[in-house]
Protein backbone atom coordinates (compact mmCIF):
# COMPACT_ATOMS: atom_id res chain seq x y z
CA UNK A 1 -175.71 105.61 -80.62
CA UNK A 2 -177.52 108.25 -82.60
CA UNK A 3 -175.83 110.71 -84.96
CA UNK A 4 -177.58 113.36 -87.02
CA UNK A 5 -176.57 116.39 -89.05
CA UNK A 6 -177.78 119.69 -87.59
CA UNK A 7 -176.29 122.15 -90.09
CA UNK A 8 -174.16 122.27 -93.22
CA UNK A 9 -172.81 124.94 -95.57
CA UNK A 10 -169.92 125.10 -98.04
CA UNK A 11 -167.31 125.39 -95.25
CA UNK A 12 -168.36 123.16 -92.37
CA UNK A 13 -171.06 120.92 -90.92
CA UNK A 14 -172.31 120.26 -87.41
CA UNK A 15 -173.29 116.79 -86.27
CA UNK A 16 -174.98 115.86 -83.02
CA UNK A 17 -174.08 112.56 -81.38
CA UNK A 18 -175.92 110.98 -78.47
CA UNK A 19 -174.93 107.84 -76.57
CA UNK A 20 -176.32 106.22 -73.45
CA UNK A 21 -174.43 105.26 -70.31
CA UNK A 22 -171.96 102.41 -71.00
CA UNK A 23 -172.33 102.72 -74.79
CA UNK A 24 -169.34 103.27 -77.05
CA UNK A 25 -168.56 104.60 -80.50
CA UNK A 26 -166.26 102.07 -82.21
CA UNK A 27 -162.83 102.84 -83.62
CA UNK A 28 -163.10 105.48 -86.34
CA UNK A 29 -161.48 108.55 -87.89
CA UNK A 30 -162.65 111.76 -89.55
CA UNK A 31 -161.21 112.97 -92.84
CA UNK A 32 -160.86 116.52 -91.47
CA UNK A 33 -160.02 118.00 -88.10
CA UNK A 34 -163.00 117.64 -85.79
CA UNK A 35 -163.98 119.73 -82.79
CA UNK A 36 -166.18 118.04 -80.21
CA UNK A 37 -168.23 120.18 -77.81
CA UNK A 38 -169.74 118.21 -74.94
CA UNK A 39 -173.25 119.41 -74.06
CA UNK A 40 -174.16 116.68 -71.56
CA UNK A 41 -172.67 113.67 -69.80
CA UNK A 42 -169.19 112.24 -69.47
CA UNK A 43 -166.91 109.90 -71.36
CA UNK A 44 -163.43 109.58 -72.77
CA UNK A 45 -161.77 109.54 -76.15
CA UNK A 46 -159.25 106.74 -76.47
CA UNK A 47 -156.43 107.41 -78.94
CA UNK A 48 -153.58 105.03 -79.71
CA UNK A 49 -151.20 106.86 -77.35
CA UNK A 50 -153.47 108.71 -74.86
CA UNK A 51 -156.90 109.08 -73.31
CA UNK A 52 -158.82 112.35 -72.93
CA UNK A 53 -161.62 112.75 -70.40
CA UNK A 54 -164.75 114.53 -71.63
CA UNK A 55 -167.30 116.20 -69.37
CA UNK A 56 -170.10 118.69 -69.95
CA UNK A 57 -168.71 122.01 -71.18
CA UNK A 58 -165.40 120.70 -72.50
CA UNK A 59 -164.15 120.92 -76.07
CA UNK A 60 -161.54 118.79 -77.77
CA UNK A 61 -159.74 118.97 -81.11
CA UNK A 62 -159.36 115.62 -82.86
CA UNK A 63 -156.81 115.85 -85.68
CA UNK A 64 -157.79 114.61 -89.13
CA UNK A 65 -157.30 110.88 -89.74
CA UNK A 66 -156.35 110.10 -86.13
CA UNK A 67 -158.06 106.86 -85.14
CA UNK A 68 -159.95 106.91 -81.85
CA UNK A 69 -162.97 105.52 -80.06
CA UNK A 70 -165.40 107.02 -77.59
CA UNK A 71 -166.38 105.32 -74.32
CA UNK A 72 -169.35 106.75 -72.40
CA UNK A 73 -169.61 106.91 -68.59
CA UNK A 74 -172.82 108.97 -68.29
CA UNK A 75 -175.58 109.67 -70.86
CA UNK A 76 -173.76 111.77 -73.46
CA UNK A 77 -174.65 114.42 -76.01
CA UNK A 78 -172.17 116.46 -78.06
CA UNK A 79 -171.80 118.50 -81.23
CA UNK A 80 -169.04 117.69 -83.68
CA UNK A 81 -167.85 120.34 -86.14
CA UNK A 82 -166.16 119.07 -89.31
CA UNK A 83 -165.24 120.38 -92.76
CA UNK A 84 -168.28 120.30 -95.05
CA UNK A 85 -166.99 117.41 -97.18
CA UNK A 86 -165.50 115.42 -94.29
CA UNK A 87 -166.59 111.88 -93.52
CA UNK A 88 -166.44 109.74 -90.42
CA UNK A 89 -165.02 106.35 -91.37
CA UNK A 90 -165.37 103.37 -89.06
CA UNK A 91 -162.36 101.04 -88.99
């Protein structure tokens, strides 16, 4: 897994996350709402009570402080938009 910051200002920041086929992003949460925009690949977000499929071109809102993990099915690249002071905290 690779995560890097692409942009930041006083209101929001944009992170880019890349994962390879069969990789995962462990259980975590963001301290603000997060919007994920899938640029490449496929995977799913696993929440406590549901799963959401992600494919190229889809977007998904992840509410602040909702724990989830990301499982990758095909080499994956996405942008994540968060509040400027938000943090991603691994559980």
